[in-house]
Amino acid sequence: MTKQIYPHHPYPWKADNWRILEANGWVIGNYPFTLGDELDHASGELMSKAPELQEAAMGALEAINKVLSIETLTPGGRKALEIAKRHLLEVV
């Protein structure tokens, strides 16, 4: 996609010392620091990937819509894609 989903906070974002930093280095959020273990940092890493994850979900939704509109599918295949589409719409 050419348009960034989060125009006020350019990405890539990164997790660093319990903070989420945007591409310009500004702090845009914090992540929990409970025990200082790897799980805390993994949570921060996941949060920092929000823009890329949303962009990927939007791309998948676009692909599903295209397949549903032009392909002849089995009833089970169509139902599976419609379920996936419904779940993707919940997250984007």
PDB file of N, CA and C in Angstrom:
ATOM      1  N   MET A   1       0.839  -1.180   0.000  1.00  0.00           N
ATOM      2  CA  MET A   1       0.000   0.000   0.000  1.00  0.00           C
ATOM      3  C   MET A   1       0.885   1.244   0.000  1.00  0.00           C
ATOM      4  N   THR A   2       0.423   2.269  -0.642  1.00  0.00           N
ATOM      5  CA  THR A   2       1.224   3.487  -0.700  1.00  0.00           C
ATOM      6  C   THR A   2       0.875   4.451   0.418  1.00  0.00           C
ATOM      7  N   LYS A   3      -0.354   4.401   0.918  1.00  0.00           N
ATOM      8  CA  LYS A   3      -0.765   5.307   1.979  1.00  0.00           C
ATOM      9  C   LYS A   3      -0.569   4.636   3.330  1.00  0.00           C
ATOM     10  N   GLN A   4       0.110   5.323   4.225  1.00  0.00           N
ATOM     11  CA  GLN A   4       0.314   4.744   5.544  1.00  0.00           C
ATOM     12  C   GLN A   4      -0.983   4.772   6.331  1.00  0.00           C
ATOM     13  N   ILE A   5      -1.233   3.714   7.062  1.00  0.00           N
ATOM     14  CA  ILE A   5      -2.448   3.587   7.848  1.00  0.00           C
ATOM     15  C   ILE A   5      -2.439   4.565   9.025  1.00  0.00           C
ATOM     16  N   TYR A   6      -1.288   4.824   9.569  1.00  0.00           N
ATOM     17  CA  TYR A   6      -1.152   5.709  10.718  1.00  0.00           C
ATOM     18  C   TYR A   6      -0.374   6.953  10.285  1.00  0.00           C
ATOM     19  N   PRO A   7      -1.007   7.898   9.592  1.00  0.00           N
ATOM     20  CA  PRO A   7      -0.251   9.015   9.006  1.00  0.00           C
ATOM     21  C   PRO A   7       0.417   9.925  10.037  1.00  0.00           C
ATOM     22  N   HIS A   8      -0.093   9.968  11.264  1.00  0.00           N
ATOM     23  CA  HIS A   8       0.493  10.854  12.270  1.00  0.00           C
ATOM     24  C   HIS A   8       1.667  10.217  12.999  1.00  0.00           C
ATOM     25  N   HIS A   9       1.808   8.929  12.843  1.00  0.00           N
ATOM     26  CA  HIS A   9       2.899   8.195  13.487  1.00  0.00           C
ATOM     27  C   HIS A   9       3.550   7.295  12.442  1.00  0.00           C
ATOM     28  N   PRO A  10       4.502   7.830  11.682  1.00  0.00           N
ATOM     29  CA  PRO A  10       5.105   7.033  10.606  1.00  0.00           C
ATOM     30  C   PRO A  10       5.799   5.791  11.148  1.00  0.00           C
ATOM     31  N   TYR A  11       5.745   4.764  10.365  1.00  0.00           N
ATOM     32  CA  TYR A  11       6.428   3.540  10.757  1.00  0.00           C
ATOM     33  C   TYR A  11       7.528   3.234   9.775  1.00  0.00           C
ATOM     34  N   PRO A  12       8.455   2.356  10.122  1.00  0.00           N
ATOM     35  CA  PRO A  12       8.313   1.299  11.114  1.00  0.00           C
ATOM     36  C   PRO A  12       8.416   1.810  12.551  1.00  0.00           C
ATOM     37  N   TRP A  13       7.652   1.166  13.414  1.00  0.00           N
ATOM     38  CA  TRP A  13       7.725   1.423  14.839  1.00  0.00           C
ATOM     39  C   TRP A  13       8.689   0.404  15.433  1.00  0.00           C
ATOM     40  N   LYS A  14       9.198   0.703  16.629  1.00  0.00           N
ATOM     41  CA  LYS A  14      10.049  -0.291  17.295  1.00  0.00           C
ATOM     42  C   LYS A  14       9.837  -0.246  18.792  1.00  0.00           C
ATOM     43  N   ALA A  15      10.096  -1.367  19.426  1.00  0.00           N
ATOM     44  CA  ALA A  15       9.996  -1.497  20.877  1.00  0.00           C
ATOM     45  C   ALA A  15      11.380  -1.293  21.458  1.00  0.00           C
ATOM     46  N   ASP A  16      11.458  -0.412  22.472  1.00  0.00           N
ATOM     47  CA  ASP A  16      12.749  -0.117  23.073  1.00  0.00           C
ATOM     48  C   ASP A  16      12.546   0.387  24.497  1.00  0.00           C
ATOM     49  N   ASN A  17      13.100  -0.321  25.472  1.00  0.00           N
ATOM     50  CA  ASN A  17      13.037   0.085  26.880  1.00  0.00           C
ATOM     51  C   ASN A  17      11.624   0.416  27.337  1.00  0.00           C
ATOM     52  N   TRP A  18      10.691  -0.510  27.075  1.00  0.00           N
ATOM     53  CA  TRP A  18       9.302  -0.409  27.515  1.00  0.00           C
ATOM     54  C   TRP A  18       8.528   0.726  26.851  1.00  0.00           C
ATOM     55  N   ARG A  19       9.035   1.183  25.696  1.00  0.00           N
ATOM     56  CA  ARG A  19       8.339   2.234  24.944  1.00  0.00           C
ATOM     57  C   ARG A  19       8.171   1.777  23.501  1.00  0.00           C
ATOM     58  N   ILE A  20       7.144   2.292  22.862  1.00  0.00           N
ATOM     59  CA  ILE A  20       6.962   2.091  21.428  1.00  0.00           C
ATOM     60  C   ILE A  20       7.354   3.412  20.770  1.00  0.00           C
ATOM     61  N   LEU A  21       8.314   3.339  19.856  1.00  0.00           N
ATOM     62  CA  LEU A  21       8.820   4.527  19.180  1.00  0.00           C
ATOM     63  C   LEU A  21       8.391   4.509  17.718  1.00  0.00           C
ATOM     64  N   GLU A  22       7.979   5.668  17.211  1.00  0.00           N
ATOM     65  CA  GLU A  22       7.655   5.770  15.788  1.00  0.00           C
ATOM     66  C   GLU A  22       8.954   5.935  15.003  1.00  0.00           C
ATOM     67  N   ALA A  23       8.845   6.020  13.678  1.00  0.00           N
ATOM     68  CA  ALA A  23      10.030   6.082  12.819  1.00  0.00           C
ATOM     69  C   ALA A  23      10.922   7.285  13.120  1.00  0.00           C
ATOM     70  N   ASN A  24      10.337   8.389  13.586  1.00  0.00           N
ATOM     71  CA  ASN A  24      11.118   9.589  13.901  1.00  0.00           C
ATOM     72  C   ASN A  24      11.686   9.574  15.315  1.00  0.00           C
ATOM     73  N   GLY A  25      11.448   8.489  16.054  1.00  0.00           N
ATOM     74  CA  GLY A  25      11.991   8.376  17.403  1.00  0.00           C
ATOM     75  C   GLY A  25      11.088   8.908  18.507  1.00  0.00           C
ATOM     76  N   TRP A  26       9.907   9.402  18.153  1.00  0.00           N
ATOM     77  CA  TRP A  26       8.970   9.905  19.161  1.00  0.00           C
ATOM     78  C   TRP A  26       8.309   8.734  19.871  1.00  0.00           C
ATOM     79  N   VAL A  27       8.125   8.865  21.180  1.00  0.00           N
ATOM     80  CA  VAL A  27       7.439   7.837  21.960  1.00  0.00           C
ATOM     81  C   VAL A  27       5.941   7.957  21.702  1.00  0.00           C
ATOM     82  N   ILE A  28       5.323   6.855  21.293  1.00  0.00           N
ATOM     83  CA  ILE A  28       3.883   6.879  21.044  1.00  0.00           C
ATOM     84  C   ILE A  28       3.133   5.928  21.966  1.00  0.00           C
ATOM     85  N   GLY A  29       3.846   5.204  22.800  1.00  0.00           N
ATOM     86  CA  GLY A  29       3.192   4.307  23.740  1.00  0.00           C
ATOM     87  C   GLY A  29       4.204   3.588  24.609  1.00  0.00           C
ATOM     88  N   ASN A  30       3.676   2.892  25.574  1.00  0.00           N
ATOM     89  CA  ASN A  30       4.495   2.104  26.489  1.00  0.00           C
ATOM     90  C   ASN A  30       3.961   0.687  26.501  1.00  0.00           C
ATOM     91  N   TYR A  31       4.818  -0.259  26.859  1.00  0.00           N
ATOM     92  CA  TYR A  31       4.341  -1.617  27.057  1.00  0.00           C
ATOM     93  C   TYR A  31       4.720  -2.052  28.454  1.00  0.00           C
ATOM     94  N   PRO A  32       3.999  -3.046  28.983  1.00  0.00           N
ATOM     95  CA  PRO A  32       4.173  -3.413  30.390  1.00  0.00           C
ATOM     96  C   PRO A  32       5.585  -3.888  30.731  1.00  0.00           C
ATOM     97  N   PHE A  33       5.985  -3.530  31.897  1.00  0.00           N
ATOM     98  CA  PHE A  33       7.237  -4.014  32.461  1.00  0.00           C
ATOM     99  C   PHE A  33       6.873  -4.618  33.800  1.00  0.00           C
ATOM    100  N   THR A  34       6.752  -5.935  33.818  1.00  0.00           N
ATOM    101  CA  THR A  34       6.361  -6.579  35.067  1.00  0.00           C
ATOM    102  C   THR A  34       7.563  -7.235  35.726  1.00  0.00           C
ATOM    103  N   LEU A  35       8.182  -8.135  35.013  1.00  0.00           N
ATOM    104  CA  LEU A  35       9.338  -8.828  35.572  1.00  0.00           C
ATOM    105  C   LEU A  35      10.616  -8.501  34.806  1.00  0.00           C
ATOM    106  N   GLY A  36      10.470  -7.727  33.737  1.00  0.00           N
ATOM    107  CA  GLY A  36      11.636  -7.399  32.934  1.00  0.00           C
ATOM    108  C   GLY A  36      12.127  -8.574  32.109  1.00  0.00           C
ATOM    109  N   ASP A  37      11.230  -9.513  31.851  1.00  0.00           N
ATOM    110  CA  ASP A  37      11.663 -10.704  31.126  1.00  0.00           C
ATOM    111  C   ASP A  37      11.407 -10.574  29.630  1.00  0.00           C
ATOM    112  N   GLU A  38      11.741 -11.636  28.917  1.00  0.00           N
ATOM    113  CA  GLU A  38      11.604 -11.630  27.460  1.00  0.00           C
ATOM    114  C   GLU A  38      10.149 -11.541  27.022  1.00  0.00           C
ATOM    115  N   LEU A  39       9.221 -12.028  27.835  1.00  0.00           N
ATOM    116  CA  LEU A  39       7.807 -11.959  27.480  1.00  0.00           C
ATOM    117  C   LEU A  39       7.342 -10.506  27.397  1.00  0.00           C
ATOM    118  N   ASP A  40       7.804  -9.676  28.319  1.00  0.00           N
ATOM    119  CA  ASP A  40       7.469  -8.247  28.258  1.00  0.00           C
ATOM    120  C   ASP A  40       7.960  -7.644  26.953  1.00  0.00           C
ATOM    121  N   HIS A  41       9.190  -7.930  26.597  1.00  0.00           N
ATOM    122  CA  HIS A  41       9.749  -7.358  25.372  1.00  0.00           C
ATOM    123  C   HIS A  41       9.041  -7.931  24.145  1.00  0.00           C
ATOM    124  N   ALA A  42       8.677  -9.203  24.172  1.00  0.00           N
ATOM    125  CA  ALA A  42       7.949  -9.793  23.051  1.00  0.00           C
ATOM    126  C   ALA A  42       6.600  -9.106  22.868  1.00  0.00           C
ATOM    127  N   SER A  43       5.953  -8.755  23.978  1.00  0.00           N
ATOM    128  CA  SER A  43       4.687  -8.019  23.889  1.00  0.00           C
ATOM    129  C   SER A  43       4.908  -6.670  23.221  1.00  0.00           C
ATOM    130  N   GLY A  44       5.961  -5.991  23.586  1.00  0.00           N
ATOM    131  CA  GLY A  44       6.286  -4.709  22.975  1.00  0.00           C
ATOM    132  C   GLY A  44       6.598  -4.846  21.497  1.00  0.00           C
ATOM    133  N   GLU A  45       7.325  -5.895  21.130  1.00  0.00           N
ATOM    134  CA  GLU A  45       7.628  -6.133  19.722  1.00  0.00           C
ATOM    135  C   GLU A  45       6.353  -6.345  18.922  1.00  0.00           C
ATOM    136  N   LEU A  46       5.417  -7.109  19.476  1.00  0.00           N
ATOM    137  CA  LEU A  46       4.154  -7.338  18.790  1.00  0.00           C
ATOM    138  C   LEU A  46       3.375  -6.034  18.626  1.00  0.00           C
ATOM    139  N   MET A  47       3.314  -5.221  19.672  1.00  0.00           N
ATOM    140  CA  MET A  47       2.625  -3.933  19.579  1.00  0.00           C
ATOM    141  C   MET A  47       3.254  -3.032  18.532  1.00  0.00           C
ATOM    142  N   SER A  48       4.567  -3.086  18.421  1.00  0.00           N
ATOM    143  CA  SER A  48       5.244  -2.221  17.461  1.00  0.00           C
ATOM    144  C   SER A  48       4.974  -2.632  16.016  1.00  0.00           C
ATOM    145  N   LYS A  49       4.465  -3.836  15.815  1.00  0.00           N
ATOM    146  CA  LYS A  49       4.163  -4.318  14.464  1.00  0.00           C
ATOM    147  C   LYS A  49       2.721  -4.035  14.058  1.00  0.00           C
ATOM    148  N   ALA A  50       1.964  -3.302  14.871  1.00  0.00           N
ATOM    149  CA  ALA A  50       0.555  -3.031  14.573  1.00  0.00           C
ATOM    150  C   ALA A  50       0.329  -2.465  13.174  1.00  0.00           C
ATOM    151  N   PRO A  51       1.095  -1.472  12.723  1.00  0.00           N
ATOM    152  CA  PRO A  51       0.835  -0.951  11.378  1.00  0.00           C
ATOM    153  C   PRO A  51       1.028  -1.998  10.282  1.00  0.00           C
ATOM    154  N   GLU A  52       2.087  -2.784  10.378  1.00  0.00           N
ATOM    155  CA  GLU A  52       2.338  -3.803   9.365  1.00  0.00           C
ATOM    156  C   GLU A  52       1.283  -4.910   9.418  1.00  0.00           C
ATOM    157  N   LEU A  53       0.849  -5.276  10.621  1.00  0.00           N
ATOM    158  CA  LEU A  53      -0.176  -6.311  10.753  1.00  0.00           C
ATOM    159  C   LEU A  53      -1.506  -5.832  10.174  1.00  0.00           C
ATOM    160  N   GLN A  54      -1.854  -4.582  10.427  1.00  0.00           N
ATOM    161  CA  GLN A  54      -3.099  -4.060   9.875  1.00  0.00           C
ATOM    162  C   GLN A  54      -3.026  -3.968   8.352  1.00  0.00           C
ATOM    163  N   GLU A  55      -1.892  -3.556   7.837  1.00  0.00           N
ATOM    164  CA  GLU A  55      -1.724  -3.483   6.391  1.00  0.00           C
ATOM    165  C   GLU A  55      -1.842  -4.869   5.761  1.00  0.00           C
ATOM    166  N   ALA A  56      -1.259  -5.871   6.397  1.00  0.00           N
ATOM    167  CA  ALA A  56      -1.352  -7.239   5.886  1.00  0.00           C
ATOM    168  C   ALA A  56      -2.793  -7.742   5.921  1.00  0.00           C
ATOM    169  N   ALA A  57      -3.509  -7.427   6.991  1.00  0.00           N
ATOM    170  CA  ALA A  57      -4.917  -7.832   7.090  1.00  0.00           C
ATOM    171  C   ALA A  57      -5.744  -7.159   5.998  1.00  0.00           C
ATOM    172  N   MET A  58      -5.476  -5.902   5.719  1.00  0.00           N
ATOM    173  CA  MET A  58      -6.205  -5.205   4.663  1.00  0.00           C
ATOM    174  C   MET A  58      -5.890  -5.813   3.291  1.00  0.00           C
ATOM    175  N   GLY A  59      -4.642  -6.197   3.066  1.00  0.00           N
ATOM    176  CA  GLY A  59      -4.275  -6.852   1.813  1.00  0.00           C
ATOM    177  C   GLY A  59      -4.967  -8.194   1.657  1.00  0.00           C
ATOM    178  N   ALA A  60      -5.048  -8.960   2.738  1.00  0.00           N
ATOM    179  CA  ALA A  60      -5.733 -10.248   2.703  1.00  0.00           C
ATOM    180  C   ALA A  60      -7.214 -10.059   2.427  1.00  0.00           C
ATOM    181  N   LEU A  61      -7.809  -9.043   3.034  1.00  0.00           N
ATOM    182  CA  LEU A  61      -9.223  -8.744   2.807  1.00  0.00           C
ATOM    183  C   LEU A  61      -9.469  -8.377   1.344  1.00  0.00           C
ATOM    184  N   GLU A  62      -8.584  -7.594   0.782  1.00  0.00           N
ATOM    185  CA  GLU A  62      -8.699  -7.222  -0.629  1.00  0.00           C
ATOM    186  C   GLU A  62      -8.607  -8.461  -1.530  1.00  0.00           C
ATOM    187  N   ALA A  63      -7.684  -9.355  -1.229  1.00  0.00           N
ATOM    188  CA  ALA A  63      -7.524 -10.574  -2.026  1.00  0.00           C
ATOM    189  C   ALA A  63      -8.758 -11.469  -1.906  1.00  0.00           C
ATOM    190  N   ILE A  64      -9.293 -11.604  -0.704  1.00  0.00           N
ATOM    191  CA  ILE A  64     -10.492 -12.426  -0.501  1.00  0.00           C
ATOM    192  C   ILE A  64     -11.665 -11.848  -1.291  1.00  0.00           C
ATOM    193  N   ASN A  65     -11.834 -10.532  -1.226  1.00  0.00           N
ATOM    194  CA  ASN A  65     -12.927  -9.900  -1.974  1.00  0.00           C
ATOM    195  C   ASN A  65     -12.792 -10.167  -3.472  1.00  0.00           C
ATOM    196  N   LYS A  66     -11.571 -10.099  -3.978  1.00  0.00           N
ATOM    197  CA  LYS A  66     -11.349 -10.337  -5.403  1.00  0.00           C
ATOM    198  C   LYS A  66     -11.686 -11.786  -5.769  1.00  0.00           C
ATOM    199  N   VAL A  67     -11.229 -12.734  -4.963  1.00  0.00           N
ATOM    200  CA  VAL A  67     -11.514 -14.144  -5.228  1.00  0.00           C
ATOM    201  C   VAL A  67     -13.015 -14.399  -5.170  1.00  0.00           C
ATOM    202  N   LEU A  68     -13.696 -13.845  -4.162  1.00  0.00           N
ATOM    203  CA  LEU A  68     -15.140 -14.048  -4.038  1.00  0.00           C
ATOM    204  C   LEU A  68     -15.905 -13.469  -5.226  1.00  0.00           C
ATOM    205  N   SER A  69     -15.371 -12.407  -5.821  1.00  0.00           N
ATOM    206  CA  SER A  69     -16.101 -11.764  -6.916  1.00  0.00           C
ATOM    207  C   SER A  69     -15.843 -12.401  -8.280  1.00  0.00           C
ATOM    208  N   ILE A  70     -14.715 -13.087  -8.471  1.00  0.00           N
ATOM    209  CA  ILE A  70     -14.412 -13.591  -9.821  1.00  0.00           C
ATOM    210  C   ILE A  70     -14.260 -15.102  -9.928  1.00  0.00           C
ATOM    211  N   GLU A  71     -14.092 -15.803  -8.836  1.00  0.00           N
ATOM    212  CA  GLU A  71     -13.848 -17.247  -8.903  1.00  0.00           C
ATOM    213  C   GLU A  71     -15.125 -18.044  -8.641  1.00  0.00           C
ATOM    214  N   THR A  72     -15.208 -19.188  -9.295  1.00  0.00           N
ATOM    215  CA  THR A  72     -16.269 -20.145  -9.007  1.00  0.00           C
ATOM    216  C   THR A  72     -15.723 -21.065  -7.921  1.00  0.00           C
ATOM    217  N   LEU A  73     -16.370 -21.038  -6.780  1.00  0.00           N
ATOM    218  CA  LEU A  73     -15.881 -21.789  -5.627  1.00  0.00           C
ATOM    219  C   LEU A  73     -16.881 -22.857  -5.216  1.00  0.00           C
ATOM    220  N   THR A  74     -16.382 -23.869  -4.554  1.00  0.00           N
ATOM    221  CA  THR A  74     -17.284 -24.846  -3.949  1.00  0.00           C
ATOM    222  C   THR A  74     -18.012 -24.147  -2.809  1.00  0.00           C
ATOM    223  N   PRO A  75     -19.175 -24.642  -2.421  1.00  0.00           N
ATOM    224  CA  PRO A  75     -19.875 -24.011  -1.301  1.00  0.00           C
ATOM    225  C   PRO A  75     -19.015 -23.942  -0.034  1.00  0.00           C
ATOM    226  N   GLY A  76     -18.250 -25.009   0.235  1.00  0.00           N
ATOM    227  CA  GLY A  76     -17.386 -25.002   1.419  1.00  0.00           C
ATOM    228  C   GLY A  76     -16.267 -23.987   1.306  1.00  0.00           C
ATOM    229  N   GLY A  77     -15.694 -23.869   0.102  1.00  0.00           N
ATOM    230  CA  GLY A  77     -14.638 -22.882  -0.113  1.00  0.00           C
ATOM    231  C   GLY A  77     -15.155 -21.464   0.032  1.00  0.00           C
ATOM    232  N   ARG A  78     -16.337 -21.190  -0.529  1.00  0.00           N
ATOM    233  CA  ARG A  78     -16.940 -19.860  -0.416  1.00  0.00           C
ATOM    234  C   ARG A  78     -17.228 -19.541   1.053  1.00  0.00           C
ATOM    235  N   LYS A  79     -17.787 -20.518   1.768  1.00  0.00           N
ATOM    236  CA  LYS A  79     -18.112 -20.290   3.184  1.00  0.00           C
ATOM    237  C   LYS A  79     -16.846 -20.000   3.991  1.00  0.00           C
ATOM    238  N   ALA A  80     -15.774 -20.741   3.717  1.00  0.00           N
ATOM    239  CA  ALA A  80     -14.519 -20.526   4.445  1.00  0.00           C
ATOM    240  C   ALA A  80     -13.981 -19.121   4.197  1.00  0.00           C
ATOM    241  N   LEU A  81     -14.033 -18.672   2.942  1.00  0.00           N
ATOM    242  CA  LEU A  81     -13.551 -17.311   2.646  1.00  0.00           C
ATOM    243  C   LEU A  81     -14.446 -16.246   3.256  1.00  0.00           C
ATOM    244  N   GLU A  82     -15.749 -16.485   3.266  1.00  0.00           N
ATOM    245  CA  GLU A  82     -16.657 -15.517   3.887  1.00  0.00           C
ATOM    246  C   GLU A  82     -16.426 -15.421   5.391  1.00  0.00           C
ATOM    247  N   ILE A  83     -16.117 -16.532   6.024  1.00  0.00           N
ATOM    248  CA  ILE A  83     -15.800 -16.521   7.464  1.00  0.00           C
ATOM    249  C   ILE A  83     -14.496 -15.761   7.695  1.00  0.00           C
ATOM    250  N   ALA A  84     -13.489 -16.046   6.868  1.00  0.00           N
ATOM    251  CA  ALA A  84     -12.207 -15.333   6.993  1.00  0.00           C
ATOM    252  C   ALA A  84     -12.417 -13.837   6.780  1.00  0.00           C
ATOM    253  N   LYS A  85     -13.225 -13.488   5.801  1.00  0.00           N
ATOM    254  CA  LYS A  85     -13.512 -12.074   5.528  1.00  0.00           C
ATOM    255  C   LYS A  85     -14.172 -11.410   6.734  1.00  0.00           C
ATOM    256  N   ARG A  86     -15.142 -12.098   7.331  1.00  0.00           N
ATOM    257  CA  ARG A  86     -15.825 -11.536   8.509  1.00  0.00           C
ATOM    258  C   ARG A  86     -14.843 -11.288   9.653  1.00  0.00           C
ATOM    259  N   HIS A  87     -13.940 -12.221   9.875  1.00  0.00           N
ATOM    260  CA  HIS A  87     -12.952 -12.059  10.950  1.00  0.00           C
ATOM    261  C   HIS A  87     -11.971 -10.921  10.628  1.00  0.00           C
ATOM    262  N   LEU A  88     -11.564 -10.818   9.386  1.00  0.00           N
ATOM    263  CA  LEU A  88     -10.656  -9.731   9.002  1.00  0.00           C
ATOM    264  C   LEU A  88     -11.329  -8.370   9.165  1.00  0.00           C
ATOM    265  N   LEU A  89     -12.615  -8.291   8.825  1.00  0.00           N
ATOM    266  CA  LEU A  89     -13.334  -7.024   8.982  1.00  0.00           C
ATOM    267  C   LEU A  89     -13.391  -6.591  10.449  1.00  0.00           C
ATOM    268  N   GLU A  90     -13.373  -7.547  11.350  1.00  0.00           N
ATOM    269  CA  GLU A  90     -13.374  -7.217  12.775  1.00  0.00           C
ATOM    270  C   GLU A  90     -12.074  -6.581  13.230  1.00  0.00           C
ATOM    271  N   VAL A  91     -10.975  -6.889  12.556  1.00  0.00           N
ATOM    272  CA  VAL A  91      -9.677  -6.392  13.016  1.00  0.00           C
ATOM    273  C   VAL A  91      -9.151  -5.179  12.256  1.00  0.00           C
ATOM    274  N   VAL A  92      -9.745  -4.875  11.103  1.00  0.00           N
ATOM    275  CA  VAL A  92      -9.249  -3.701  10.357  1.00  0.00           C
ATOM    276  C   VAL A  92     -10.113  -2.480  10.551  1.00  0.00           C
TER     277      VAL A  92
END
